C-alpha atoms as a PDB file:
ATOM      1  CA  MET A   1      75.859  86.087 163.146  1.00  0.00           C
ATOM      2  CA  SER A   2      78.030  87.531 160.172  1.00  0.00           C
ATOM      3  CA  ASN A   3      81.094  89.500 160.988  1.00  0.00           C
ATOM      4  CA  ILE A   4      80.687  93.226 161.169  1.00  0.00           C
ATOM      5  CA  LEU A   5      83.094  95.035 158.592  1.00  0.00           C
ATOM      6  CA  ILE A   6      83.146  98.698 158.135  1.00  0.00           C
ATOM      7  CA  PHE A   7      83.849 100.305 154.790  1.00  0.00           C
ATOM      8  CA  ILE A   8      86.589 103.215 154.964  1.00  0.00           C
ATOM      9  CA  PRO A   9      86.615 105.323 151.833  1.00  0.00           C
ATOM     10  CA  GLN A  10      90.009 106.886 150.778  1.00  0.00           C
ATOM     11  CA  ASN A  11      89.554 110.598 151.380  1.00  0.00           C
ATOM     12  CA  LYS A  12      91.720 111.600 148.367  1.00  0.00           C
ATOM     13  CA  ALA A  13      90.214 109.375 146.003  1.00  0.00           C
ATOM     14  CA  LYS A  14      87.983 109.951 143.469  1.00  0.00           C
ATOM     15  CA  SER A  15      84.380 109.067 144.316  1.00  0.00           C
ATOM     16  CA  SER A  16      83.914 106.487 141.385  1.00  0.00           C
ATOM     17  CA  LYS A  17      86.932 104.688 142.845  1.00  0.00           C
ATOM     18  CA  ASN A  18      85.410 104.706 146.467  1.00  0.00           C
ATOM     19  CA  MET A  19      82.163 103.452 144.762  1.00  0.00           C
ATOM     20  CA  TYR A  20      83.845 100.572 142.975  1.00  0.00           C
ATOM     21  CA  ASP A  21      85.497  99.682 146.120  1.00  0.00           C
ATOM     22  CA  PHE A  22      82.450 100.017 148.030  1.00  0.00           C
ATOM     23  CA  ILE A  23      80.590  97.586 145.965  1.00  0.00           C
ATOM     24  CA  ARG A  24      83.510  95.116 145.716  1.00  0.00           C
ATOM     25  CA  PHE A  25      83.663  95.325 149.437  1.00  0.00           C
ATOM     26  CA  CYS A  26      79.884  94.474 149.998  1.00  0.00           C
ATOM     27  CA  ARG A  27      79.835  91.865 147.349  1.00  0.00           C
ATOM     28  CA  HIS A  28      83.072  89.809 148.135  1.00  0.00           C
ATOM     29  CA  GLU A  29      83.864  90.563 151.815  1.00  0.00           C
ATOM     30  CA  LEU A  30      80.639  90.819 153.655  1.00  0.00           C
ATOM     31  CA  THR A  31      79.182  87.696 155.033  1.00  0.00           C
ATOM     32  CA  LEU A  32      75.554  88.674 155.808  1.00  0.00           C
ATOM     33  CA  PHE A  33      72.834  86.360 154.637  1.00  0.00           C
ATOM     34  CA  SER A  34      72.458  82.542 154.340  1.00  0.00           C
ATOM     35  CA  PRO A  35      75.002  80.230 152.850  1.00  0.00           C
ATOM     36  CA  ASN A  36      72.691  79.969 149.746  1.00  0.00           C
ATOM     37  CA  PHE A  37      72.852  83.680 149.330  1.00  0.00           C
ATOM     38  CA  SER A  38      73.561  84.619 145.694  1.00  0.00           C
ATOM     39  CA  TRP A  39      74.475  88.326 144.887  1.00  0.00           C
ATOM     40  CA  GLU A  40      73.206  87.848 141.317  1.00  0.00           C
ATOM     41  CA  ASP A  41      69.767  87.169 142.342  1.00  0.00           C
ATOM     42  CA  ASN A  42      67.375  89.992 142.291  1.00  0.00           C
ATOM     43  CA  HIS A  43      65.154  88.713 144.862  1.00  0.00           C
ATOM     44  CA  TRP A  44      66.886  88.473 148.356  1.00  0.00           C
ATOM     45  CA  ALA A  45      64.542  86.285 150.581  1.00  0.00           C
ATOM     46  CA  ASP A  46      66.786  86.884 153.608  1.00  0.00           C
ATOM     47  CA  ALA A  47      65.900  90.494 153.326  1.00  0.00           C
ATOM     48  CA  SER A  48      62.460  90.112 152.107  1.00  0.00           C
ATOM     49  CA  ILE A  49      63.549  92.698 149.315  1.00  0.00           C
ATOM     50  CA  PHE A  50      63.080  92.402 145.449  1.00  0.00           C
ATOM     51  CA  PHE A  51      65.282  95.023 143.465  1.00  0.00           C
ATOM     52  CA  GLY A  52      62.282  95.877 141.255  1.00  0.00           C
ATOM     53  CA  ASN A  53      61.872  99.209 139.165  1.00  0.00           C
ATOM     54  CA  TRP A  54      58.767 101.456 139.375  1.00  0.00           C
ATOM     55  CA  ASP A  55      56.788  99.093 137.284  1.00  0.00           C
ATOM     56  CA  VAL A  56      56.922  96.439 140.129  1.00  0.00           C
ATOM     57  CA  SER A  57      54.429  97.840 142.855  1.00  0.00           C
ATOM     58  CA  THR A  58      55.072  94.610 145.028  1.00  0.00           C
ATOM     59  CA  ASN A  59      57.973  92.168 145.824  1.00  0.00           C
ATOM     60  CA  LYS A  60      57.067  89.931 142.654  1.00  0.00           C
ATOM     61  CA  LYS A  61      60.261  87.926 142.645  1.00  0.00           C
ATOM     62  CA  ASP A  62      59.795  86.598 139.187  1.00  0.00           C
ATOM     63  CA  SER A  63      59.113  89.913 137.543  1.00  0.00           C
ATOM     64  CA  PRO A  64      61.655  90.913 134.852  1.00  0.00           C
ATOM     65  CA  SER A  65      61.272  94.506 135.763  1.00  0.00           C
ATOM     66  CA  VAL A  66      64.448  95.187 137.706  1.00  0.00           C
ATOM     67  CA  LEU A  67      66.668  98.141 138.552  1.00  0.00           C
ATOM     68  CA  LYS A  68      68.945  99.335 135.825  1.00  0.00           C
ATOM     69  CA  GLN A  69      72.759  99.047 136.355  1.00  0.00           C
ATOM     70  CA  PRO A  70      74.737 100.642 137.981  1.00  0.00           C
ATOM     71  CA  LEU A  71      72.234 101.581 140.355  1.00  0.00           C
ATOM     72  CA  LEU A  72      71.265  97.939 140.838  1.00  0.00           C
ATOM     73  CA  ASP A  73      74.643  96.860 142.192  1.00  0.00           C
ATOM     74  CA  PHE A  74      74.919  99.910 144.443  1.00  0.00           C
ATOM     75  CA  ALA A  75      71.102  99.319 145.796  1.00  0.00           C
ATOM     76  CA  LYS A  76      72.477  95.650 146.622  1.00  0.00           C
ATOM     77  CA  SER A  77      75.619  96.892 148.333  1.00  0.00           C
ATOM     78  CA  TYR A  78      73.783  99.413 150.459  1.00  0.00           C
ATOM     79  CA  VAL A  79      71.236  96.992 151.670  1.00  0.00           C
ATOM     80  CA  ARG A  80      73.603  94.279 152.648  1.00  0.00           C
ATOM     81  CA  TYR A  81      76.081  96.931 154.121  1.00  0.00           C
ATOM     82  CA  THR A  82      73.431  98.694 156.155  1.00  0.00           C
ATOM     83  CA  PHE A  83      71.666  95.386 157.326  1.00  0.00           C
ATOM     84  CA  SER A  84      74.943  94.102 158.654  1.00  0.00           C
ATOM     85  CA  PHE A  85      74.573  96.629 161.450  1.00  0.00           C
ATOM     86  CA  LYS A  86      70.709  95.913 162.268  1.00  0.00           C
ATOM     87  CA  LYS A  87      69.195  93.119 164.370  1.00  0.00           C
ATOM     88  CA  GLN A  88      66.209  92.675 161.980  1.00  0.00           C
ATOM     89  CA  HIS A  89      67.198  91.916 158.259  1.00  0.00           C
ATOM     90  CA  LYS A  90      63.764  92.720 156.807  1.00  0.00           C
ATOM     91  CA  ALA A  91      63.498  95.576 154.206  1.00  0.00           C
ATOM     92  CA  ARG A  92      60.793  98.164 154.769  1.00  0.00           C
ATOM     93  CA  TYR A  93      61.321 101.037 152.579  1.00  0.00           C
ATOM     94  CA  GLU A  94      64.851 100.228 151.088  1.00  0.00           C
ATOM     95  CA  GLY A  95      63.427  98.732 147.988  1.00  0.00           C
ATOM     96  CA  THR A  96      60.924 101.587 147.487  1.00  0.00           C
ATOM     97  CA  ILE A  97      63.559 104.584 147.694  1.00  0.00           C
ATOM     98  CA  PHE A  98      65.563 102.897 144.744  1.00  0.00           C
ATOM     99  CA  LYS A  99      62.581 102.541 142.670  1.00  0.00           C
ATOM    100  CA  CYS A 100      61.779 106.047 143.296  1.00  0.00           C
ATOM    101  CA  LEU A 101      65.307 107.033 142.337  1.00  0.00           C
ATOM    102  CA  ASP A 102      65.539 104.910 139.271  1.00  0.00           C
ATOM    103  CA  LYS A 103      62.375 106.435 138.039  1.00  0.00           C
ATOM    104  CA  ALA A 104      63.328 110.053 138.763  1.00  0.00           C
ATOM    105  CA  LEU A 105      66.707 109.558 136.956  1.00  0.00           C
ATOM    106  CA  ILE A 106      65.282 108.060 133.869  1.00  0.00           C
ATOM    107  CA  GLU A 107      62.323 110.773 133.606  1.00  0.00           C
ATOM    108  CA  SER A 108      65.288 113.224 133.857  1.00  0.00           C
ATOM    109  CA  GLY A 109      66.785 111.791 130.778  1.00  0.00           C
ATOM    110  CA  LEU A 110      69.860 110.365 132.868  1.00  0.00           C
ATOM    111  CA  ASN A 111      71.269 106.949 133.373  1.00  0.00           C
ATOM    112  CA  SER A 112      70.234 104.951 136.618  1.00  0.00           C
ATOM    113  CA  ASP A 113      73.408 105.937 138.181  1.00  0.00           C
ATOM    114  CA  ILE A 114      73.512 107.054 141.850  1.00  0.00           C
ATOM    115  CA  SER A 115      76.561 109.322 140.945  1.00  0.00           C
ATOM    116  CA  LEU A 116      74.298 111.513 139.081  1.00  0.00           C
ATOM    117  CA  LEU A 117      72.292 112.264 142.060  1.00  0.00           C
ATOM    118  CA  THR A 118      71.243 115.804 142.539  1.00  0.00           C
ATOM    119  CA  PRO A 119      68.714 117.708 145.085  1.00  0.00           C
ATOM    120  CA  ALA A 120      66.359 118.002 142.088  1.00  0.00           C
ATOM    121  CA  ILE A 121      66.505 114.318 141.370  1.00  0.00           C
ATOM    122  CA  LEU A 122      65.888 113.741 145.241  1.00  0.00           C
ATOM    123  CA  ASP A 123      62.841 116.161 145.053  1.00  0.00           C
ATOM    124  CA  GLN A 124      61.437 114.165 141.975  1.00  0.00           C
ATOM    125  CA  ALA A 125      61.887 110.891 143.812  1.00  0.00           C
ATOM    126  CA  ALA A 126      59.863 112.179 146.922  1.00  0.00           C
ATOM    127  CA  GLU A 127      57.178 113.593 144.580  1.00  0.00           C
ATOM    128  CA  LEU A 128      56.709 110.223 143.001  1.00  0.00           C
ATOM    129  CA  ALA A 129      56.324 108.384 146.340  1.00  0.00           C
ATOM    130  CA  ARG A 130      53.580 111.037 147.124  1.00  0.00           C
ATOM    131  CA  GLU A 131      51.677 110.193 143.714  1.00  0.00           C
ATOM    132  CA  ARG A 132      51.677 106.404 144.772  1.00  0.00           C
ATOM    133  CA  TYR A 133      51.951 105.910 148.401  1.00  0.00           C
ATOM    134  CA  THR A 134      50.068 106.891 151.721  1.00  0.00           C
ATOM    135  CA  PRO A 135      51.181 110.136 153.491  1.00  0.00           C
ATOM    136  CA  SER A 136      52.791 107.977 156.224  1.00  0.00           C
ATOM    137  CA  SER A 137      54.615 105.875 153.903  1.00  0.00           C
ATOM    138  CA  CYS A 138      55.919 108.883 151.873  1.00  0.00           C
ATOM    139  CA  TYR A 139      57.370 110.422 155.144  1.00  0.00           C
ATOM    140  CA  HIS A 140      59.053 107.206 155.882  1.00  0.00           C
ATOM    141  CA  ILE A 141      60.371 107.188 152.228  1.00  0.00           C
ATOM    142  CA  GLY A 142      61.681 110.752 152.519  1.00  0.00           C
ATOM    143  CA  ARG A 143      63.501 109.848 155.608  1.00  0.00           C
ATOM    144  CA  ASN A 144      65.135 106.837 154.088  1.00  0.00           C
ATOM    145  CA  LEU A 145      65.928 109.040 151.204  1.00  0.00           C
ATOM    146  CA  GLN A 146      67.560 111.551 153.464  1.00  0.00           C
ATOM    147  CA  LYS A 147      69.516 108.689 155.403  1.00  0.00           C
ATOM    148  CA  LEU A 148      70.808 107.395 151.972  1.00  0.00           C
ATOM    149  CA  VAL A 149      72.040 111.007 151.139  1.00  0.00           C
ATOM    150  CA  GLU A 150      73.979 111.276 154.380  1.00  0.00           C
ATOM    151  CA  PHE A 151      75.454 107.796 153.647  1.00  0.00           C
ATOM    152  CA  LEU A 152      76.573 108.797 150.339  1.00  0.00           C
ATOM    153  CA  ASN A 153      78.290 112.041 151.589  1.00  0.00           C
ATOM    154  CA  GLU A 154      79.980 110.113 154.647  1.00  0.00           C
ATOM    155  CA  LYS A 155      81.351 107.439 152.274  1.00  0.00           C
ATOM    156  CA  LYS A 156      82.347 109.928 149.619  1.00  0.00           C
ATOM    157  CA  LEU A 157      80.691 107.753 147.055  1.00  0.00           C
ATOM    158  CA  ILE A 158      79.385 110.894 144.984  1.00  0.00           C
ATOM    159  CA  PRO A 159      81.442 113.558 143.153  1.00  0.00           C
ATOM    160  CA  ASN A 160      79.460 116.303 144.936  1.00  0.00           C
ATOM    161  CA  HIS A 161      78.311 116.923 148.596  1.00  0.00           C
ATOM    162  CA  ILE A 162      74.440 117.100 148.668  1.00  0.00           C
ATOM    163  CA  GLU A 163      72.439 118.923 151.362  1.00  0.00           C
ATOM    164  CA  TRP A 164      69.024 117.740 151.260  1.00  0.00           C
ATOM    165  CA  THR A 165      66.083 117.123 153.891  1.00  0.00           C
ATOM    166  CA  ASN A 166      62.995 115.284 153.609  1.00  0.00           C
ATOM    167  CA  PRO A 167      60.117 117.224 152.043  1.00  0.00           C
ATOM    168  CA  ASN A 168      57.358 114.779 153.018  1.00  0.00           C
ATOM    169  CA  PRO A 169      55.562 115.911 156.052  1.00  0.00           C
ATOM    170  CA  ARG A 170      54.892 113.523 158.879  1.00  0.00           C
ATOM    171  CA  ALA A 171      51.332 112.192 158.776  1.00  0.00           C
ATOM    172  CA  ALA A 172      48.990 112.888 161.956  1.00  0.00           C
ATOM    173  CA  ASP A 173      50.368 110.450 164.716  1.00  0.00           C
ATOM    174  CA  THR A 174      47.485 108.547 166.577  1.00  0.00           C
ATOM    175  CA  VAL A 175      49.656 108.400 169.739  1.00  0.00           C
ATOM    176  CA  ARG A 176      50.057 112.036 170.107  1.00  0.00           C
ATOM    177  CA  THR A 177      48.740 113.548 173.301  1.00  0.00           C
ATOM    178  CA  GLY A 178      46.448 116.413 173.810  1.00  0.00           C
ATOM    179  CA  LEU A 179      43.024 117.439 173.135  1.00  0.00           C
ATOM    180  CA  LYS A 180      42.984 117.518 169.461  1.00  0.00           C
ATOM    181  CA  ALA A 181      44.638 114.057 169.150  1.00  0.00           C
ATOM    182  CA  GLU A 182      42.173 112.740 171.607  1.00  0.00           C
ATOM    183  CA  LYS A 183      39.403 114.086 169.658  1.00  0.00           C
ATOM    184  CA  ILE A 184      40.726 112.413 166.650  1.00  0.00           C
ATOM    185  CA  ARG A 185      40.922 109.097 168.281  1.00  0.00           C
ATOM    186  CA  GLN A 186      37.359 109.387 169.631  1.00  0.00           C
ATOM    187  CA  LYS A 187      35.965 110.082 166.233  1.00  0.00           C
ATOM    188  CA  LYS A 188      37.518 106.846 164.869  1.00  0.00           C
ATOM    189  CA  LEU A 189      35.954 104.683 167.641  1.00  0.00           C
ATOM    190  CA  PRO A 190      32.463 103.208 166.936  1.00  0.00           C
ATOM    191  CA  THR A 191      29.545 104.351 168.937  1.00  0.00           C
ATOM    192  CA  GLU A 192      27.985 102.419 171.812  1.00  0.00           C
ATOM    193  CA  VAL A 193      24.936 101.894 169.612  1.00  0.00           C
ATOM    194  CA  ALA A 194      27.171 100.435 166.837  1.00  0.00           C
ATOM    195  CA  LEU A 195      28.883  98.085 169.290  1.00  0.00           C
ATOM    196  CA  ASN A 196      25.445  97.036 170.661  1.00  0.00           C
ATOM    197  CA  ALA A 197      24.002  96.500 167.118  1.00  0.00           C
ATOM    198  CA  LEU A 198      26.987  94.260 166.212  1.00  0.00           C
ATOM    199  CA  ALA A 199      26.411  92.095 169.413  1.00  0.00           C
ATOM    200  CA  GLU A 200      22.548  91.904 168.651  1.00  0.00           C
ATOM    201  CA  VAL A 201      23.466  90.660 165.151  1.00  0.00           C
ATOM    202  CA  PHE A 202      25.964  88.288 166.461  1.00  0.00           C
ATOM    203  CA  ALA A 203      23.384  86.852 168.810  1.00  0.00           C
ATOM    204  CA  SER A 204      20.661  86.441 166.397  1.00  0.00           C
ATOM    205  CA  ASN A 205      22.730  83.756 164.507  1.00  0.00           C
ATOM    206  CA  PRO A 206      22.897  85.618 161.223  1.00  0.00           C
ATOM    207  CA  HIS A 207      22.835  83.568 158.010  1.00  0.00           C
ATOM    208  CA  VAL A 208      24.186  86.156 155.597  1.00  0.00           C
ATOM    209  CA  PRO A 209      28.096  85.300 154.921  1.00  0.00           C
ATOM    210  CA  SER A 210      29.243  89.030 155.185  1.00  0.00           C
ATOM    211  CA  ASP A 211      27.188  89.577 158.457  1.00  0.00           C
ATOM    212  CA  ILE A 212      28.631  86.167 159.819  1.00  0.00           C
ATOM    213  CA  PHE A 213      32.175  87.133 158.969  1.00  0.00           C
ATOM    214  CA  THR A 214      31.881  90.924 160.305  1.00  0.00           C
ATOM    215  CA  THR A 215      30.351  90.008 163.581  1.00  0.00           C
ATOM    216  CA  SER A 216      32.604  86.926 164.184  1.00  0.00           C
ATOM    217  CA  THR A 217      35.653  88.930 163.510  1.00  0.00           C
ATOM    218  CA  CYS A 218      34.566  91.883 165.814  1.00  0.00           C
ATOM    219  CA  ALA A 219      34.008  89.210 168.521  1.00  0.00           C
ATOM    220  CA  LEU A 220      37.318  87.751 168.139  1.00  0.00           C
ATOM    221  CA  LEU A 221      38.978  91.189 168.397  1.00  0.00           C
ATOM    222  CA  LEU A 222      36.983  91.682 171.821  1.00  0.00           C
ATOM    223  CA  CYS A 223      38.166  88.428 173.014  1.00  0.00           C
ATOM    224  CA  VAL A 224      41.837  88.699 172.218  1.00  0.00           C
ATOM    225  CA  PRO A 225      42.953  92.355 170.802  1.00  0.00           C
ATOM    226  CA  SER A 226      44.727  91.745 167.776  1.00  0.00           C
ATOM    227  CA  ARG A 227      45.489  93.124 164.215  1.00  0.00           C
ATOM    228  CA  VAL A 228      42.920  92.701 161.863  1.00  0.00           C
ATOM    229  CA  SER A 229      45.369  91.006 159.426  1.00  0.00           C
ATOM    230  CA  GLU A 230      46.391  88.509 162.093  1.00  0.00           C
ATOM    231  CA  VAL A 231      42.465  87.525 162.479  1.00  0.00           C
ATOM    232  CA  LEU A 232      42.405  87.150 158.527  1.00  0.00           C
ATOM    233  CA  SER A 233      45.733  84.953 158.461  1.00  0.00           C
ATOM    234  CA  LEU A 234      44.361  82.424 161.284  1.00  0.00           C
ATOM    235  CA  HIS A 235      44.826  78.914 160.499  1.00  0.00           C
ATOM    236  CA  VAL A 236      41.792  76.587 160.499  1.00  0.00           C
ATOM    237  CA  ASN A 237      43.487  74.732 163.502  1.00  0.00           C
ATOM    238  CA  CYS A 238      44.081  77.846 165.367  1.00  0.00           C
ATOM    239  CA  GLU A 239      42.699  76.897 168.584  1.00  0.00           C
ATOM    240  CA  VAL A 240      44.656  75.733 171.575  1.00  0.00           C
ATOM    241  CA  HIS A 241      43.548  73.642 174.431  1.00  0.00           C
ATOM    242  CA  GLU A 242      45.768  72.939 177.582  1.00  0.00           C
ATOM    243  CA  THR A 243      45.332  71.938 181.345  1.00  0.00           C
ATOM    244  CA  LYS A 244      46.709  74.367 183.947  1.00  0.00           C
ATOM    245  CA  ARG A 245      48.445  73.176 187.100  1.00  0.00           C
ATOM    246  CA  ASP A 246      45.240  73.580 189.109  1.00  0.00           C
ATOM    247  CA  GLY A 247      43.467  71.367 186.588  1.00  0.00           C
ATOM    248  CA  THR A 248      41.426  73.818 184.923  1.00  0.00           C
ATOM    249  CA  LYS A 249      41.216  74.212 181.289  1.00  0.00           C
ATOM    250  CA  ALA A 250      42.730  77.175 179.323  1.00  0.00           C
ATOM    251  CA  TYR A 251      41.571  78.216 175.734  1.00  0.00           C
ATOM    252  CA  GLY A 252      43.795  80.192 173.337  1.00  0.00           C
ATOM    253  CA  ILE A 253      44.116  81.182 169.745  1.00  0.00           C
ATOM    254  CA  ARG A 254      47.421  80.638 167.911  1.00  0.00           C
ATOM    255  CA  PHE A 255      48.168  83.766 165.801  1.00  0.00           C
ATOM    256  CA  LEU A 256      50.728  84.587 163.295  1.00  0.00           C
ATOM    257  CA  PRO A 257      51.901  88.232 164.205  1.00  0.00           C
ATOM    258  CA  GLY A 258      51.535  90.647 161.631  1.00  0.00           C
ATOM    259  CA  LYS A 259      55.157  91.806 161.328  1.00  0.00           C
ATOM    260  CA  GLY A 260      56.763  88.291 160.838  1.00  0.00           C
ATOM    261  CA  ALA A 261      57.216  87.216 164.444  1.00  0.00           C
ATOM    262  CA  PRO A 262      56.933  83.485 165.504  1.00  0.00           C
ATOM    263  CA  PRO A 263      53.555  82.094 166.046  1.00  0.00           C
ATOM    264  CA  GLN A 264      51.978  83.304 169.335  1.00  0.00           C
ATOM    265  CA  ILE A 265      49.240  82.092 171.453  1.00  0.00           C
ATOM    266  CA  LYS A 266      46.881  84.519 172.904  1.00  0.00           C
ATOM    267  CA  TRP A 267      44.812  83.085 175.868  1.00  0.00           C
ATOM    268  CA  VAL A 268      41.147  83.994 175.946  1.00  0.00           C
ATOM    269  CA  PRO A 269      39.674  85.171 179.408  1.00  0.00           C
ATOM    270  CA  THR A 270      37.527  82.370 180.784  1.00  0.00           C
ATOM    271  CA  PRO A 271      34.116  84.310 180.567  1.00  0.00           C
ATOM    272  CA  MET A 272      34.795  84.938 176.887  1.00  0.00           C
ATOM    273  CA  VAL A 273      35.794  81.499 175.915  1.00  0.00           C
ATOM    274  CA  SER A 274      32.471  80.449 174.517  1.00  0.00           C
ATOM    275  CA  LEU A 275      32.110  83.662 172.651  1.00  0.00           C
ATOM    276  CA  ALA A 276      35.537  82.892 170.774  1.00  0.00           C
ATOM    277  CA  GLN A 277      34.641  79.337 170.144  1.00  0.00           C
ATOM    278  CA  GLU A 278      31.552  80.237 168.360  1.00  0.00           C
ATOM    279  CA  ALA A 279      32.991  82.997 166.527  1.00  0.00           C
ATOM    280  CA  ILE A 280      35.684  80.551 165.081  1.00  0.00           C
ATOM    281  CA  ARG A 281      33.196  77.944 164.486  1.00  0.00           C
ATOM    282  CA  ARG A 282      31.199  80.502 162.383  1.00  0.00           C
ATOM    283  CA  ILE A 283      34.338  81.594 160.449  1.00  0.00           C
ATOM    284  CA  ARG A 284      35.551  77.970 159.788  1.00  0.00           C
ATOM    285  CA  SER A 285      32.186  77.173 158.454  1.00  0.00           C
ATOM    286  CA  ILE A 286      31.577  79.953 155.895  1.00  0.00           C
ATOM    287  CA  THR A 287      35.226  79.657 154.598  1.00  0.00           C
ATOM    288  CA  GLU A 288      35.102  75.735 154.381  1.00  0.00           C
ATOM    289  CA  GLU A 289      34.333  76.009 150.546  1.00  0.00           C
ATOM    290  CA  ALA A 290      37.119  78.491 150.040  1.00  0.00           C
ATOM    291  CA  ARG A 291      39.665  76.033 151.500  1.00  0.00           C
ATOM    292  CA  ARG A 292      38.199  73.276 149.462  1.00  0.00           C
ATOM    293  CA  ILE A 293      38.372  75.295 146.189  1.00  0.00           C
ATOM    294  CA  SER A 294      42.142  76.280 147.022  1.00  0.00           C
ATOM    295  CA  LYS A 295      43.187  72.778 147.517  1.00  0.00           C
ATOM    296  CA  TRP A 296      41.415  71.661 144.354  1.00  0.00           C
ATOM    297  CA  TYR A 297      43.309  74.486 142.489  1.00  0.00           C
ATOM    298  CA  GLU A 298      46.418  73.399 143.933  1.00  0.00           C
ATOM    299  CA  GLU A 299      45.933  70.048 142.557  1.00  0.00           C
ATOM    300  CA  ASN A 300      44.407  71.241 139.346  1.00  0.00           C
ATOM    301  CA  PRO A 301      45.976  74.472 138.439  1.00  0.00           C
ATOM    302  CA  ASP A 302      44.958  74.381 134.755  1.00  0.00           C
ATOM    303  CA  LYS A 303      41.485  73.651 134.985  1.00  0.00           C
ATOM    304  CA  PHE A 304      38.318  75.482 136.034  1.00  0.00           C
ATOM    305  CA  TYR A 305      36.554  74.864 139.317  1.00  0.00           C
ATOM    306  CA  ARG A 306      32.849  73.610 138.812  1.00  0.00           C
ATOM    307  CA  HIS A 307      30.674  75.051 141.475  1.00  0.00           C
ATOM    308  CA  ILE A 308      27.086  74.591 141.839  1.00  0.00           C
ATOM    309  CA  GLU A 309      25.998  77.314 139.505  1.00  0.00           C
ATOM    310  CA  CYS A 310      28.561  76.418 136.833  1.00  0.00           C
ATOM    311  CA  PRO A 311      26.961  75.827 133.361  1.00  0.00           C
ATOM    312  CA  SER A 312      26.989  72.006 132.549  1.00  0.00           C
ATOM    313  CA  VAL A 313      29.323  72.060 129.659  1.00  0.00           C
ATOM    314  CA  SER A 314      32.672  70.576 128.643  1.00  0.00           C
ATOM    315  CA  ASP A 315      36.008  72.376 129.379  1.00  0.00           C
ATOM    316  CA  ASP A 316      36.679  73.330 125.925  1.00  0.00           C
ATOM    317  CA  GLU A 317      33.075  74.252 124.797  1.00  0.00           C
ATOM    318  CA  TYR A 318      32.562  77.660 123.836  1.00  0.00           C
ATOM    319  CA  LEU A 319      30.400  79.770 126.298  1.00  0.00           C
ATOM    320  CA  THR A 320      27.658  82.425 125.804  1.00  0.00           C
ATOM    321  CA  LEU A 321      27.691  85.602 127.566  1.00  0.00           C
ATOM    322  CA  LYS A 322      25.101  84.393 130.081  1.00  0.00           C
ATOM    323  CA  GLN A 323      27.218  81.149 130.703  1.00  0.00           C
ATOM    324  CA  ARG A 324      30.316  83.129 131.406  1.00  0.00           C
ATOM    325  CA  LEU A 325      28.595  85.165 133.983  1.00  0.00           C
ATOM    326  CA  GLN A 326      27.384  81.785 135.566  1.00  0.00           C
ATOM    327  CA  ALA A 327      30.709  80.356 135.333  1.00  0.00           C
ATOM    328  CA  ILE A 328      32.166  83.065 137.630  1.00  0.00           C
ATOM    329  CA  GLY A 329      29.106  83.432 139.720  1.00  0.00           C
ATOM    330  CA  VAL A 330      29.151  87.265 139.819  1.00  0.00           C
ATOM    331  CA  PHE A 331      28.835  90.288 137.165  1.00  0.00           C
ATOM    332  CA  ASP A 332      32.275  91.214 135.995  1.00  0.00           C
ATOM    333  CA  ASN A 333      33.115  93.816 133.523  1.00  0.00           C
ATOM    334  CA  LYS A 334      36.371  91.913 132.680  1.00  0.00           C
ATOM    335  CA  ILE A 335      34.370  89.077 131.422  1.00  0.00           C
ATOM    336  CA  MET A 336      31.811  91.110 129.679  1.00  0.00           C
ATOM    337  CA  LYS A 337      34.654  92.772 127.750  1.00  0.00           C
ATOM    338  CA  MET A 338      36.337  89.485 126.506  1.00  0.00           C
ATOM    339  CA  LYS A 339      36.050  89.390 122.738  1.00  0.00           C
ATOM    340  CA  GLY A 340      35.202  86.501 120.830  1.00  0.00           C
ATOM    341  CA  LYS A 341      34.328  82.937 121.976  1.00  0.00           C
ATOM    342  CA  HIS A 342      35.821  81.408 125.321  1.00  0.00           C
ATOM    343  CA  PRO A 343      35.647  77.910 127.083  1.00  0.00           C
ATOM    344  CA  LEU A 344      36.089  77.457 130.624  1.00  0.00           C
ATOM    345  CA  ASN A 345      39.749  76.904 130.334  1.00  0.00           C
ATOM    346  CA  ALA A 346      40.133  80.290 129.048  1.00  0.00           C
ATOM    347  CA  ILE A 347      38.153  81.767 131.896  1.00  0.00           C
ATOM    348  CA  ALA A 348      40.046  79.935 134.426  1.00  0.00           C
ATOM    349  CA  LYS A 349      43.132  82.296 133.394  1.00  0.00           C
ATOM    350  CA  PHE A 350      41.346  85.195 134.693  1.00  0.00           C
END
């Protein structure tokens, strides 16, 4: 574990001097993150954060769209310093708040500089969040902006003391108690008729892939309650078979928890083992071709995979409109709008 050091600002020093000392302190004296850590990198794998600007909607570590200086160095300092006091070093909203602030400052005709922060800029950053993110995320983004303001005030890193509170309301909480909250939860639950219908479709051994996937996923969720994302990320060899001390067999499914925790085996109750096994068998069957295609593309990244409906032409031969549609297997406006002539190798880029 890294040594925890506390930055103590000089009360009588100018905010610019405190800011300079703070960034130097975080860059050269803090020891958080792995031995291979590089301050200059804009993607910090140890913190799962990319210091991208508003144009980057995800953690695309190879994107050239990064925060402008001097906000970039402060953002890095803030993340490294605050993470030094946390058990978990994974970013949640830290990258997002700096995207919003960078965008708000630039739209106001200012440099991307945290020392230029005002309540109006913060309001604009919170509004930008509302334009892009869900109400729940907006609330947490606003909370993190408020924490940032409190930090700036405490460490005397900006010229003027700022009073600002999160304007984004908290989204309706599904764990609240009371009659109203209970009605909201009940409204989201499927009816008994719907559940029985899913069971009937599963028992009828459906042949349509979407029916197989939906009913099999629901079956797994009934056998071992999980997040949907955990079911979607199951490995093909997720089944676990063990023998108990009394000689009986135990059957489980190895999940990758949705929040980055180590792999976890969830044991299936004995009466539901056959149901879970059949659900996994069906999902494994309908995803076999997708795995085969993925492996093929890993080995042939610059070629176009020739499925059964693909037109029988050479890779460099120009395609007609009909052949383009055959090549992708579905109707797609992007392919329809492609100007001029295109061979299979060109379509592979889409």
